[in-house]
Amino acid sequence: MSYDFKTVRFQGAIPILGVSLIPGEYPRSLLIQCKDPSSVKSIQVNQIDIPNTDFFVFDGRSVIAILPEGLTGEITSVLMWDEKYETLSNTAKISLSLFGNAGKVQGIFSLLQLVLKVLSTDVGSDLYLPNVGGGLSKILKTGNASSPSDLSIALRNAVDKTATDLRNMQAKDTSLSSSERLGSIDLVDIRTSPDNRIKVSLRVTNLDGQSQITSFPG
């Protein structure tokens, strides 16, 4: 599903070129095309702030934003800033709370968010965790130039590294419940669309044995 937007210019706002809801994915996520995705520091969807842990640059042309569990209605507005909008004066921004508190994503859905974030991170791109990342977005950008077998091997290696990185990260966090701890990540499907875009489907299972299948678009 795609959305058309009228443009409203805010101080520090980043022009949005396109927005689409990623089909078949839970938690619901948006693929937002924009100029200079690496400069995005703050996102609002329907006037609700998206935590900076829940959005990330994808393929150098767009940003994936994972929506809060409580944001279930129609997407009516998307705004992005190149600086924290809280630092702007009250006369330079609009602050509304259309849905109130959207609530925190917990359990396996919190685990899904973390899997997608680590999987899409390129090694060396995180200053504090330079060795962490599956590098999936880089693989998908070059995937069409690879043979199917090479692409499959690269994706499986990315999934395996993500699982290892996550287990190492979670081993240091005693506050996580078993429903938020990784059991396994399985590569379920790899598909190429007629326009040569790659879609990867994963099954994420937590230590409670709960599983969710999610898709990562290329």
N, C-alpha and C. Protein backbone atom coordinates (compact mmCIF):
# COMPACT_ATOMS: atom_id res chain seq x y z
N MET A 1 0.84 -1.19 0.00
CA MET A 1 0.00 0.00 0.00
C MET A 1 0.88 1.24 0.00
N SER A 2 0.57 2.21 -0.84
CA SER A 2 1.33 3.46 -0.91
C SER A 2 0.47 4.62 -0.45
N TYR A 3 1.12 5.69 -0.06
CA TYR A 3 0.43 6.87 0.42
C TYR A 3 0.92 8.10 -0.32
N ASP A 4 0.03 9.05 -0.56
CA ASP A 4 0.38 10.33 -1.16
C ASP A 4 0.33 11.39 -0.07
N PHE A 5 1.31 12.29 -0.06
CA PHE A 5 1.41 13.29 0.99
C PHE A 5 1.51 14.69 0.39
N LYS A 6 0.87 15.64 1.04
CA LYS A 6 1.12 17.04 0.75
C LYS A 6 2.30 17.46 1.61
N THR A 7 3.14 18.34 1.11
CA THR A 7 4.35 18.72 1.81
C THR A 7 4.12 19.91 2.72
N VAL A 8 4.54 19.76 3.98
CA VAL A 8 4.56 20.86 4.93
C VAL A 8 6.00 21.02 5.38
N ARG A 9 6.55 22.23 5.27
CA ARG A 9 7.98 22.43 5.56
C ARG A 9 8.17 22.82 7.02
N PHE A 10 8.95 22.00 7.74
CA PHE A 10 9.32 22.29 9.12
C PHE A 10 10.81 22.58 9.17
N GLN A 11 11.23 23.31 10.19
CA GLN A 11 12.65 23.57 10.37
C GLN A 11 13.38 22.24 10.55
N GLY A 12 14.42 22.02 9.77
CA GLY A 12 15.19 20.80 9.90
C GLY A 12 14.55 19.58 9.28
N ALA A 13 13.41 19.75 8.60
CA ALA A 13 12.71 18.60 8.03
C ALA A 13 13.44 18.05 6.81
N ILE A 14 13.39 16.74 6.63
CA ILE A 14 14.01 16.07 5.49
C ILE A 14 12.93 15.74 4.48
N PRO A 15 13.09 16.13 3.21
CA PRO A 15 12.07 15.82 2.19
C PRO A 15 11.87 14.32 2.02
N ILE A 16 10.61 13.90 2.02
CA ILE A 16 10.26 12.48 1.84
C ILE A 16 9.86 12.25 0.39
N LEU A 17 10.45 11.24 -0.24
CA LEU A 17 10.19 10.95 -1.64
C LEU A 17 9.14 9.87 -1.84
N GLY A 18 8.91 9.05 -0.82
CA GLY A 18 7.92 7.98 -0.93
C GLY A 18 7.80 7.22 0.37
N VAL A 19 6.60 6.70 0.63
CA VAL A 19 6.34 5.93 1.85
C VAL A 19 5.49 4.72 1.48
N SER A 20 5.88 3.54 1.95
CA SER A 20 5.06 2.36 1.73
C SER A 20 5.08 1.47 2.98
N LEU A 21 3.96 0.82 3.23
CA LEU A 21 3.86 -0.13 4.33
C LEU A 21 4.42 -1.47 3.84
N ILE A 22 5.38 -2.03 4.56
CA ILE A 22 5.99 -3.29 4.14
C ILE A 22 4.97 -4.40 4.32
N PRO A 23 4.56 -5.07 3.26
CA PRO A 23 3.49 -6.06 3.36
C PRO A 23 3.91 -7.32 4.11
N GLY A 24 2.98 -7.85 4.89
CA GLY A 24 3.18 -9.13 5.54
C GLY A 24 4.16 -9.12 6.69
N GLU A 25 4.52 -7.95 7.20
CA GLU A 25 5.50 -7.89 8.27
C GLU A 25 4.85 -7.47 9.58
N TYR A 26 5.22 -8.12 10.66
CA TYR A 26 4.78 -7.73 11.99
C TYR A 26 5.97 -7.76 12.92
N PRO A 27 6.24 -6.70 13.69
CA PRO A 27 5.47 -5.46 13.79
C PRO A 27 5.40 -4.72 12.45
N ARG A 28 4.32 -3.94 12.28
CA ARG A 28 4.18 -3.17 11.04
C ARG A 28 5.38 -2.24 10.88
N SER A 29 5.85 -2.13 9.64
CA SER A 29 7.01 -1.31 9.37
C SER A 29 6.80 -0.52 8.09
N LEU A 30 7.40 0.68 8.05
CA LEU A 30 7.33 1.54 6.87
C LEU A 30 8.67 1.57 6.17
N LEU A 31 8.64 1.58 4.84
CA LEU A 31 9.83 1.84 4.04
C LEU A 31 9.70 3.28 3.55
N ILE A 32 10.58 4.16 4.02
CA ILE A 32 10.50 5.59 3.73
C ILE A 32 11.67 6.00 2.85
N GLN A 33 11.39 6.43 1.64
CA GLN A 33 12.43 6.91 0.74
C GLN A 33 12.62 8.40 0.97
N CYS A 34 13.86 8.83 1.03
CA CYS A 34 14.13 10.24 1.32
C CYS A 34 15.51 10.61 0.82
N LYS A 35 15.78 11.90 0.82
CA LYS A 35 17.10 12.40 0.48
C LYS A 35 18.02 12.25 1.70
N ASP A 36 19.20 11.69 1.49
CA ASP A 36 20.22 11.54 2.51
C ASP A 36 19.69 10.83 3.76
N PRO A 37 19.32 9.53 3.65
CA PRO A 37 18.79 8.80 4.81
C PRO A 37 19.73 8.77 6.01
N SER A 38 21.03 8.84 5.77
CA SER A 38 21.98 8.77 6.88
C SER A 38 21.89 9.97 7.80
N SER A 39 21.25 11.06 7.35
CA SER A 39 21.14 12.25 8.19
C SER A 39 19.90 12.24 9.08
N VAL A 40 19.04 11.22 8.93
CA VAL A 40 17.80 11.17 9.71
C VAL A 40 18.12 10.92 11.18
N LYS A 41 17.63 11.80 12.04
CA LYS A 41 17.84 11.67 13.47
C LYS A 41 16.54 11.52 14.25
N SER A 42 15.41 11.85 13.62
CA SER A 42 14.13 11.79 14.34
C SER A 42 13.01 11.56 13.35
N ILE A 43 12.06 10.67 13.72
CA ILE A 43 10.92 10.35 12.86
C ILE A 43 9.64 10.40 13.69
N GLN A 44 8.59 10.96 13.10
CA GLN A 44 7.25 10.91 13.69
C GLN A 44 6.30 10.28 12.68
N VAL A 45 5.48 9.35 13.15
CA VAL A 45 4.41 8.77 12.33
C VAL A 45 3.09 9.03 13.06
N ASN A 46 2.17 9.68 12.38
CA ASN A 46 0.90 10.09 13.01
C ASN A 46 1.15 10.84 14.30
N GLN A 47 2.15 11.74 14.29
CA GLN A 47 2.53 12.58 15.42
C GLN A 47 3.05 11.79 16.62
N ILE A 48 3.44 10.54 16.41
CA ILE A 48 4.03 9.72 17.47
C ILE A 48 5.51 9.54 17.17
N ASP A 49 6.37 9.81 18.16
CA ASP A 49 7.81 9.66 17.98
C ASP A 49 8.18 8.18 17.84
N ILE A 50 9.03 7.88 16.87
CA ILE A 50 9.59 6.55 16.71
C ILE A 50 10.94 6.53 17.41
N PRO A 51 11.16 5.67 18.41
CA PRO A 51 12.46 5.64 19.09
C PRO A 51 13.59 5.42 18.09
N ASN A 52 14.74 6.04 18.35
CA ASN A 52 15.83 5.92 17.38
C ASN A 52 16.41 4.51 17.31
N THR A 53 16.00 3.64 18.25
CA THR A 53 16.39 2.24 18.17
C THR A 53 15.50 1.46 17.21
N ASP A 54 14.41 2.09 16.74
CA ASP A 54 13.42 1.39 15.91
C ASP A 54 13.39 1.88 14.47
N PHE A 55 14.42 2.61 14.04
CA PHE A 55 14.53 2.92 12.61
C PHE A 55 16.00 2.87 12.21
N PHE A 56 16.24 2.53 10.94
CA PHE A 56 17.61 2.35 10.48
C PHE A 56 17.65 2.55 8.97
N VAL A 57 18.84 2.93 8.50
CA VAL A 57 19.04 3.17 7.07
C VAL A 57 19.05 1.84 6.33
N PHE A 58 18.35 1.82 5.20
CA PHE A 58 18.31 0.61 4.38
C PHE A 58 18.72 0.96 2.95
N ASP A 59 19.70 0.32 2.43
CA ASP A 59 20.21 0.37 1.05
C ASP A 59 20.66 1.75 0.59
N GLY A 60 20.88 2.71 1.52
CA GLY A 60 21.40 4.02 1.17
C GLY A 60 20.41 4.96 0.51
N ARG A 61 19.17 4.49 0.28
CA ARG A 61 18.16 5.32 -0.37
C ARG A 61 16.91 5.49 0.47
N SER A 62 16.81 4.73 1.56
CA SER A 62 15.58 4.75 2.33
C SER A 62 15.84 4.36 3.78
N VAL A 63 14.79 4.52 4.60
CA VAL A 63 14.84 4.19 6.02
C VAL A 63 13.70 3.24 6.33
N ILE A 64 13.96 2.21 7.12
CA ILE A 64 12.89 1.34 7.62
C ILE A 64 12.56 1.78 9.04
N ALA A 65 11.29 2.07 9.30
CA ALA A 65 10.83 2.47 10.62
C ALA A 65 9.84 1.43 11.13
N ILE A 66 10.13 0.84 12.28
CA ILE A 66 9.25 -0.16 12.89
C ILE A 66 8.23 0.57 13.76
N LEU A 67 6.95 0.37 13.48
CA LEU A 67 5.90 1.12 14.16
C LEU A 67 5.60 0.54 15.54
N PRO A 68 5.24 1.41 16.51
CA PRO A 68 4.85 0.91 17.82
C PRO A 68 3.64 -0.02 17.72
N GLU A 69 3.56 -0.98 18.63
CA GLU A 69 2.50 -1.98 18.59
C GLU A 69 1.11 -1.35 18.66
N GLY A 70 1.01 -0.21 19.38
CA GLY A 70 -0.29 0.43 19.56
C GLY A 70 -0.73 1.30 18.40
N LEU A 71 0.15 1.52 17.42
CA LEU A 71 -0.19 2.36 16.29
C LEU A 71 -0.79 1.46 15.20
N THR A 72 -2.10 1.26 15.29
CA THR A 72 -2.76 0.29 14.43
C THR A 72 -3.64 0.93 13.36
N GLY A 73 -3.88 2.24 13.44
CA GLY A 73 -4.77 2.89 12.49
C GLY A 73 -4.08 3.22 11.18
N GLU A 74 -4.79 3.95 10.32
CA GLU A 74 -4.26 4.36 9.03
C GLU A 74 -3.10 5.33 9.21
N ILE A 75 -2.08 5.20 8.38
CA ILE A 75 -0.94 6.12 8.42
C ILE A 75 -1.34 7.40 7.70
N THR A 76 -1.42 8.50 8.42
CA THR A 76 -1.86 9.76 7.84
C THR A 76 -0.75 10.79 7.71
N SER A 77 0.35 10.63 8.44
CA SER A 77 1.44 11.60 8.33
C SER A 77 2.76 10.95 8.72
N VAL A 78 3.81 11.33 8.00
CA VAL A 78 5.17 10.89 8.31
C VAL A 78 6.08 12.10 8.20
N LEU A 79 6.85 12.37 9.23
CA LEU A 79 7.78 13.49 9.25
C LEU A 79 9.14 13.01 9.71
N MET A 80 10.20 13.59 9.12
CA MET A 80 11.56 13.24 9.51
C MET A 80 12.40 14.51 9.66
N TRP A 81 13.31 14.47 10.65
CA TRP A 81 14.18 15.62 10.89
C TRP A 81 15.64 15.19 10.87
N ASP A 82 16.50 16.16 10.54
CA ASP A 82 17.93 15.87 10.57
C ASP A 82 18.56 16.27 11.90
N GLU A 83 17.73 16.61 12.85
CA GLU A 83 18.18 16.88 14.21
C GLU A 83 17.00 16.59 15.12
N LYS A 84 17.25 16.35 16.39
CA LYS A 84 16.16 16.06 17.32
C LYS A 84 15.18 17.23 17.35
N TYR A 85 13.92 16.95 17.01
CA TYR A 85 12.98 18.06 16.91
C TYR A 85 12.70 18.67 18.27
N GLU A 86 13.02 17.93 19.37
CA GLU A 86 12.81 18.51 20.69
C GLU A 86 13.67 19.74 20.93
N THR A 87 14.78 19.88 20.16
CA THR A 87 15.66 21.02 20.36
C THR A 87 15.14 22.28 19.68
N LEU A 88 14.11 22.14 18.83
CA LEU A 88 13.56 23.29 18.14
C LEU A 88 12.65 24.08 19.07
N SER A 89 12.48 25.35 18.78
CA SER A 89 11.60 26.18 19.60
C SER A 89 10.15 25.75 19.40
N ASN A 90 9.31 26.06 20.37
CA ASN A 90 7.90 25.67 20.29
C ASN A 90 7.19 26.32 19.11
N THR A 91 7.72 27.42 18.61
CA THR A 91 7.09 28.09 17.48
C THR A 91 7.50 27.46 16.16
N ALA A 92 8.47 26.54 16.20
CA ALA A 92 8.99 25.96 14.97
C ALA A 92 8.56 24.51 14.77
N LYS A 93 7.66 24.04 15.65
CA LYS A 93 7.23 22.65 15.50
C LYS A 93 5.78 22.52 15.95
N ILE A 94 5.17 21.40 15.57
CA ILE A 94 3.82 21.08 16.03
C ILE A 94 3.92 19.79 16.82
N SER A 95 3.34 19.74 18.00
CA SER A 95 3.39 18.54 18.82
C SER A 95 1.98 18.13 19.20
N LEU A 96 1.52 17.01 18.67
CA LEU A 96 0.20 16.48 18.96
C LEU A 96 0.33 15.04 19.46
N SER A 97 -0.68 14.55 20.13
CA SER A 97 -0.68 13.18 20.58
C SER A 97 -1.99 12.54 20.17
N LEU A 98 -2.06 12.12 18.90
CA LEU A 98 -3.30 11.63 18.32
C LEU A 98 -3.73 10.31 18.93
N PHE A 99 -2.74 9.41 19.17
CA PHE A 99 -3.06 8.09 19.68
C PHE A 99 -2.71 7.94 21.16
N GLY A 100 -2.14 8.98 21.78
CA GLY A 100 -1.71 8.85 23.16
C GLY A 100 -0.49 7.94 23.25
N ASN A 101 -0.36 7.24 24.37
CA ASN A 101 0.79 6.37 24.57
C ASN A 101 0.61 5.09 23.76
N ALA A 102 1.49 4.87 22.80
CA ALA A 102 1.36 3.71 21.94
C ALA A 102 1.84 2.43 22.61
N GLY A 103 2.53 2.55 23.73
CA GLY A 103 2.98 1.37 24.45
C GLY A 103 4.29 0.83 23.92
N LYS A 104 4.95 0.06 24.75
CA LYS A 104 6.25 -0.51 24.39
C LYS A 104 6.07 -1.91 23.82
N VAL A 105 6.77 -2.18 22.74
CA VAL A 105 6.75 -3.52 22.15
C VAL A 105 7.54 -4.45 23.06
N GLN A 106 6.95 -5.61 23.38
CA GLN A 106 7.60 -6.53 24.31
C GLN A 106 7.63 -7.93 23.71
N GLY A 107 8.30 -8.84 24.43
CA GLY A 107 8.30 -10.24 24.05
C GLY A 107 8.97 -10.48 22.71
N ILE A 108 8.40 -11.41 21.96
CA ILE A 108 9.01 -11.80 20.69
C ILE A 108 9.02 -10.67 19.69
N PHE A 109 8.08 -9.72 19.81
CA PHE A 109 8.05 -8.59 18.87
C PHE A 109 9.21 -7.63 19.14
N SER A 110 9.61 -7.50 20.41
CA SER A 110 10.82 -6.74 20.72
C SER A 110 12.05 -7.45 20.15
N LEU A 111 12.06 -8.78 20.24
CA LEU A 111 13.15 -9.57 19.67
C LEU A 111 13.21 -9.40 18.15
N LEU A 112 12.05 -9.39 17.49
CA LEU A 112 12.02 -9.20 16.04
C LEU A 112 12.66 -7.88 15.64
N GLN A 113 12.34 -6.82 16.37
CA GLN A 113 12.92 -5.50 16.07
C GLN A 113 14.43 -5.56 16.15
N LEU A 114 14.94 -6.20 17.19
CA LEU A 114 16.39 -6.26 17.39
C LEU A 114 17.05 -7.09 16.29
N VAL A 115 16.40 -8.19 15.91
CA VAL A 115 16.94 -9.03 14.83
C VAL A 115 17.06 -8.23 13.54
N LEU A 116 15.99 -7.50 13.17
CA LEU A 116 16.01 -6.72 11.93
C LEU A 116 17.07 -5.63 11.99
N LYS A 117 17.22 -5.02 13.15
CA LYS A 117 18.21 -3.93 13.26
C LYS A 117 19.63 -4.47 13.11
N VAL A 118 19.96 -5.55 13.85
CA VAL A 118 21.33 -6.10 13.78
C VAL A 118 21.60 -6.69 12.40
N LEU A 119 20.60 -7.38 11.84
CA LEU A 119 20.78 -8.01 10.53
C LEU A 119 21.08 -6.98 9.45
N SER A 120 20.48 -5.80 9.53
CA SER A 120 20.67 -4.78 8.49
C SER A 120 21.89 -3.90 8.72
N THR A 121 22.51 -4.02 9.89
CA THR A 121 23.68 -3.19 10.22
C THR A 121 24.94 -3.72 9.53
N ASP A 122 25.70 -2.81 8.94
CA ASP A 122 26.98 -3.18 8.34
C ASP A 122 28.07 -3.18 9.41
N VAL A 123 28.93 -4.18 9.39
CA VAL A 123 30.04 -4.23 10.34
C VAL A 123 30.89 -2.97 10.20
N GLY A 124 31.18 -2.35 11.33
CA GLY A 124 31.99 -1.14 11.33
C GLY A 124 31.18 0.14 11.32
N SER A 125 29.86 0.05 11.12
CA SER A 125 29.04 1.26 11.03
C SER A 125 28.60 1.76 12.40
N ASP A 126 28.69 0.91 13.44
CA ASP A 126 28.31 1.31 14.79
C ASP A 126 29.57 1.61 15.57
N LEU A 127 29.70 2.85 16.03
CA LEU A 127 30.90 3.29 16.72
C LEU A 127 31.15 2.48 17.99
N TYR A 128 30.07 2.13 18.70
CA TYR A 128 30.21 1.45 19.99
C TYR A 128 30.26 -0.07 19.86
N LEU A 129 29.71 -0.60 18.77
CA LEU A 129 29.72 -2.05 18.53
C LEU A 129 30.23 -2.30 17.11
N PRO A 130 31.51 -2.01 16.86
CA PRO A 130 32.03 -2.03 15.48
C PRO A 130 32.03 -3.42 14.84
N ASN A 131 32.00 -4.49 15.66
CA ASN A 131 32.06 -5.83 15.10
C ASN A 131 30.69 -6.46 14.93
N VAL A 132 29.64 -5.71 15.29
CA VAL A 132 28.28 -6.25 15.24
C VAL A 132 27.62 -5.90 13.91
N GLY A 133 26.90 -6.84 13.34
CA GLY A 133 26.12 -6.55 12.13
C GLY A 133 26.13 -7.70 11.15
N GLY A 134 24.94 -7.95 10.57
CA GLY A 134 24.83 -9.00 9.57
C GLY A 134 25.11 -8.51 8.16
N GLY A 135 25.01 -7.19 7.93
CA GLY A 135 25.32 -6.62 6.63
C GLY A 135 24.34 -6.97 5.53
N LEU A 136 23.07 -7.23 5.92
CA LEU A 136 22.10 -7.68 4.93
C LEU A 136 21.82 -6.63 3.87
N SER A 137 21.72 -5.36 4.26
CA SER A 137 21.39 -4.33 3.28
C SER A 137 22.46 -4.25 2.19
N LYS A 138 23.74 -4.44 2.55
CA LYS A 138 24.81 -4.41 1.56
C LYS A 138 24.72 -5.63 0.64
N ILE A 139 24.34 -6.78 1.20
CA ILE A 139 24.19 -7.99 0.39
C ILE A 139 23.07 -7.82 -0.62
N LEU A 140 21.95 -7.23 -0.18
CA LEU A 140 20.81 -7.07 -1.07
C LEU A 140 21.11 -6.08 -2.19
N LYS A 141 21.96 -5.09 -1.92
CA LYS A 141 22.30 -4.11 -2.96
C LYS A 141 23.11 -4.76 -4.08
N THR A 142 23.93 -5.76 -3.73
CA THR A 142 24.78 -6.40 -4.74
C THR A 142 24.28 -7.79 -5.13
N GLY A 143 23.14 -8.18 -4.54
CA GLY A 143 22.66 -9.55 -4.72
C GLY A 143 22.33 -9.92 -6.14
N ASN A 144 21.80 -8.97 -6.93
CA ASN A 144 21.41 -9.29 -8.30
C ASN A 144 22.61 -9.57 -9.20
N ALA A 145 23.81 -9.17 -8.75
CA ALA A 145 25.01 -9.44 -9.53
C ALA A 145 25.64 -10.77 -9.16
N SER A 146 25.05 -11.44 -8.15
CA SER A 146 25.59 -12.70 -7.68
C SER A 146 24.78 -13.86 -8.24
N SER A 147 25.40 -15.03 -8.27
CA SER A 147 24.66 -16.22 -8.66
C SER A 147 23.71 -16.59 -7.53
N PRO A 148 22.63 -17.33 -7.81
CA PRO A 148 21.70 -17.72 -6.74
C PRO A 148 22.37 -18.46 -5.59
N SER A 149 23.34 -19.33 -5.92
CA SER A 149 24.02 -20.08 -4.85
C SER A 149 24.88 -19.16 -3.99
N ASP A 150 25.60 -18.21 -4.63
CA ASP A 150 26.43 -17.26 -3.88
C ASP A 150 25.56 -16.37 -3.00
N LEU A 151 24.40 -15.94 -3.52
CA LEU A 151 23.49 -15.09 -2.75
C LEU A 151 22.96 -15.86 -1.55
N SER A 152 22.59 -17.10 -1.76
CA SER A 152 22.07 -17.93 -0.66
C SER A 152 23.12 -18.11 0.43
N ILE A 153 24.36 -18.38 0.04
CA ILE A 153 25.43 -18.55 1.02
C ILE A 153 25.67 -17.26 1.80
N ALA A 154 25.69 -16.12 1.09
CA ALA A 154 25.91 -14.83 1.74
C ALA A 154 24.80 -14.52 2.74
N LEU A 155 23.55 -14.82 2.37
CA LEU A 155 22.43 -14.55 3.26
C LEU A 155 22.47 -15.45 4.48
N ARG A 156 22.80 -16.73 4.28
CA ARG A 156 22.89 -17.64 5.42
C ARG A 156 24.02 -17.22 6.37
N ASN A 157 25.12 -16.78 5.82
CA ASN A 157 26.21 -16.29 6.66
C ASN A 157 25.78 -15.05 7.45
N ALA A 158 25.01 -14.17 6.80
CA ALA A 158 24.53 -12.96 7.47
C ALA A 158 23.60 -13.32 8.62
N VAL A 159 22.72 -14.28 8.38
CA VAL A 159 21.78 -14.72 9.42
C VAL A 159 22.54 -15.36 10.58
N ASP A 160 23.51 -16.21 10.27
CA ASP A 160 24.29 -16.88 11.32
C ASP A 160 25.07 -15.87 12.15
N LYS A 161 25.67 -14.88 11.49
CA LYS A 161 26.44 -13.86 12.24
C LYS A 161 25.51 -13.03 13.11
N THR A 162 24.33 -12.70 12.58
CA THR A 162 23.36 -11.93 13.38
C THR A 162 22.97 -12.70 14.63
N ALA A 163 22.72 -13.99 14.49
CA ALA A 163 22.35 -14.82 15.64
C ALA A 163 23.48 -14.84 16.68
N THR A 164 24.72 -14.99 16.22
CA THR A 164 25.87 -15.00 17.13
C THR A 164 26.02 -13.66 17.84
N ASP A 165 25.91 -12.56 17.08
CA ASP A 165 26.03 -11.22 17.66
C ASP A 165 24.95 -10.98 18.71
N LEU A 166 23.71 -11.37 18.38
CA LEU A 166 22.61 -11.15 19.31
C LEU A 166 22.79 -11.95 20.60
N ARG A 167 23.21 -13.18 20.49
CA ARG A 167 23.41 -13.99 21.70
C ARG A 167 24.50 -13.38 22.58
N ASN A 168 25.57 -12.89 21.95
CA ASN A 168 26.64 -12.25 22.72
C ASN A 168 26.14 -10.98 23.40
N MET A 169 25.33 -10.18 22.69
CA MET A 169 24.78 -8.96 23.27
C MET A 169 23.83 -9.28 24.42
N GLN A 170 22.95 -10.27 24.22
CA GLN A 170 21.94 -10.58 25.22
C GLN A 170 22.53 -11.26 26.45
N ALA A 171 23.68 -11.92 26.29
CA ALA A 171 24.32 -12.57 27.43
C ALA A 171 24.74 -11.55 28.49
N LYS A 172 24.92 -10.30 28.07
CA LYS A 172 25.36 -9.25 28.99
C LYS A 172 24.18 -8.50 29.62
N ASP A 173 22.96 -8.82 29.21
CA ASP A 173 21.77 -8.10 29.69
C ASP A 173 20.92 -9.05 30.53
N THR A 174 20.98 -8.90 31.84
CA THR A 174 20.24 -9.78 32.75
C THR A 174 18.78 -9.39 32.89
N SER A 175 18.37 -8.26 32.31
CA SER A 175 17.00 -7.78 32.49
C SER A 175 16.02 -8.38 31.50
N LEU A 176 16.52 -9.06 30.45
CA LEU A 176 15.65 -9.59 29.41
C LEU A 176 14.92 -10.84 29.88
N SER A 177 13.65 -10.95 29.48
CA SER A 177 12.88 -12.16 29.75
C SER A 177 13.21 -13.20 28.69
N SER A 178 12.83 -14.45 28.94
CA SER A 178 13.10 -15.51 27.97
C SER A 178 12.36 -15.27 26.66
N SER A 179 11.23 -14.54 26.72
CA SER A 179 10.47 -14.25 25.49
C SER A 179 11.18 -13.25 24.60
N GLU A 180 12.16 -12.51 25.16
CA GLU A 180 12.91 -11.52 24.40
C GLU A 180 14.30 -12.02 24.01
N ARG A 181 14.63 -13.23 24.42
CA ARG A 181 15.95 -13.79 24.13
C ARG A 181 15.88 -14.70 22.92
N LEU A 182 16.91 -14.61 22.10
CA LEU A 182 16.93 -15.36 20.85
C LEU A 182 17.15 -16.84 21.07
N GLY A 183 16.28 -17.63 20.43
CA GLY A 183 16.50 -19.06 20.34
C GLY A 183 17.17 -19.40 19.03
N SER A 184 16.55 -18.98 17.92
CA SER A 184 17.13 -19.27 16.61
C SER A 184 16.58 -18.31 15.56
N ILE A 185 17.33 -18.17 14.47
CA ILE A 185 16.89 -17.45 13.27
C ILE A 185 17.04 -18.40 12.10
N ASP A 186 15.97 -18.65 11.38
CA ASP A 186 16.02 -19.55 10.22
C ASP A 186 15.67 -18.78 8.95
N LEU A 187 16.46 -19.00 7.91
CA LEU A 187 16.19 -18.42 6.59
C LEU A 187 15.12 -19.28 5.91
N VAL A 188 13.91 -18.73 5.76
CA VAL A 188 12.76 -19.49 5.26
C VAL A 188 12.67 -19.44 3.75
N ASP A 189 12.89 -18.25 3.16
CA ASP A 189 12.65 -18.11 1.73
C ASP A 189 13.44 -16.93 1.17
N ILE A 190 13.87 -17.06 -0.08
CA ILE A 190 14.51 -15.97 -0.82
C ILE A 190 13.78 -15.86 -2.15
N ARG A 191 13.24 -14.70 -2.45
CA ARG A 191 12.51 -14.53 -3.70
C ARG A 191 12.99 -13.27 -4.42
N THR A 192 12.97 -13.35 -5.74
CA THR A 192 13.32 -12.20 -6.58
C THR A 192 12.10 -11.80 -7.39
N SER A 193 11.70 -10.52 -7.30
CA SER A 193 10.52 -10.03 -8.00
C SER A 193 10.86 -9.76 -9.47
N PRO A 194 9.83 -9.55 -10.32
CA PRO A 194 10.09 -9.27 -11.74
C PRO A 194 10.99 -8.06 -11.97
N ASP A 195 10.99 -7.09 -11.01
CA ASP A 195 11.85 -5.92 -11.17
C ASP A 195 13.20 -6.11 -10.46
N ASN A 196 13.55 -7.41 -10.19
CA ASN A 196 14.85 -7.78 -9.62
C ASN A 196 15.08 -7.30 -8.20
N ARG A 197 14.01 -7.10 -7.45
CA ARG A 197 14.14 -6.79 -6.03
C ARG A 197 14.07 -8.09 -5.24
N ILE A 198 14.92 -8.19 -4.23
CA ILE A 198 15.04 -9.42 -3.45
C ILE A 198 14.26 -9.30 -2.15
N LYS A 199 13.52 -10.34 -1.81
CA LYS A 199 12.78 -10.38 -0.55
C LYS A 199 13.21 -11.61 0.24
N VAL A 200 13.60 -11.39 1.49
CA VAL A 200 14.09 -12.46 2.35
C VAL A 200 13.09 -12.67 3.48
N SER A 201 12.68 -13.92 3.70
CA SER A 201 11.77 -14.25 4.79
C SER A 201 12.53 -15.04 5.85
N LEU A 202 12.32 -14.66 7.11
CA LEU A 202 13.02 -15.28 8.24
C LEU A 202 12.01 -15.77 9.27
N ARG A 203 12.38 -16.84 9.96
CA ARG A 203 11.61 -17.28 11.12
C ARG A 203 12.46 -17.02 12.37
N VAL A 204 11.94 -16.19 13.27
CA VAL A 204 12.64 -15.87 14.51
C VAL A 204 11.94 -16.59 15.66
N THR A 205 12.71 -17.32 16.46
CA THR A 205 12.16 -18.09 17.58
C THR A 205 12.84 -17.66 18.86
N ASN A 206 12.05 -17.42 19.92
CA ASN A 206 12.63 -17.04 21.20
C ASN A 206 12.83 -18.27 22.08
N LEU A 207 13.36 -18.05 23.29
CA LEU A 207 13.66 -19.17 24.18
C LEU A 207 12.40 -19.81 24.75
N ASP A 208 11.24 -19.16 24.61
CA ASP A 208 9.97 -19.76 25.03
C ASP A 208 9.39 -20.66 23.95
N GLY A 209 10.05 -20.72 22.79
CA GLY A 209 9.56 -21.53 21.70
C GLY A 209 8.56 -20.84 20.79
N GLN A 210 8.31 -19.54 21.02
CA GLN A 210 7.40 -18.78 20.16
C GLN A 210 8.14 -18.36 18.90
N SER A 211 7.44 -18.42 17.76
CA SER A 211 8.06 -18.07 16.48
C SER A 211 7.23 -17.04 15.74
N GLN A 212 7.90 -16.21 14.97
CA GLN A 212 7.26 -15.26 14.07
C GLN A 212 8.05 -15.24 12.78
N ILE A 213 7.33 -15.19 11.65
CA ILE A 213 7.99 -15.05 10.35
C ILE A 213 7.90 -13.60 9.92
N THR A 214 9.01 -13.03 9.53
CA THR A 214 9.05 -11.65 9.07
C THR A 214 9.81 -11.59 7.76
N SER A 215 9.55 -10.56 6.98
CA SER A 215 10.17 -10.40 5.67
C SER A 215 10.98 -9.12 5.62
N PHE A 216 12.10 -9.18 4.94
CA PHE A 216 12.97 -8.02 4.78
C PHE A 216 13.04 -7.70 3.30
N PRO A 217 12.51 -6.56 2.85
CA PRO A 217 12.46 -6.26 1.43
C PRO A 217 13.79 -5.79 0.90
N GLY A 218 14.02 -6.04 -0.37
CA GLY A 218 15.19 -5.51 -1.04
C GLY A 218 14.79 -4.46 -2.03
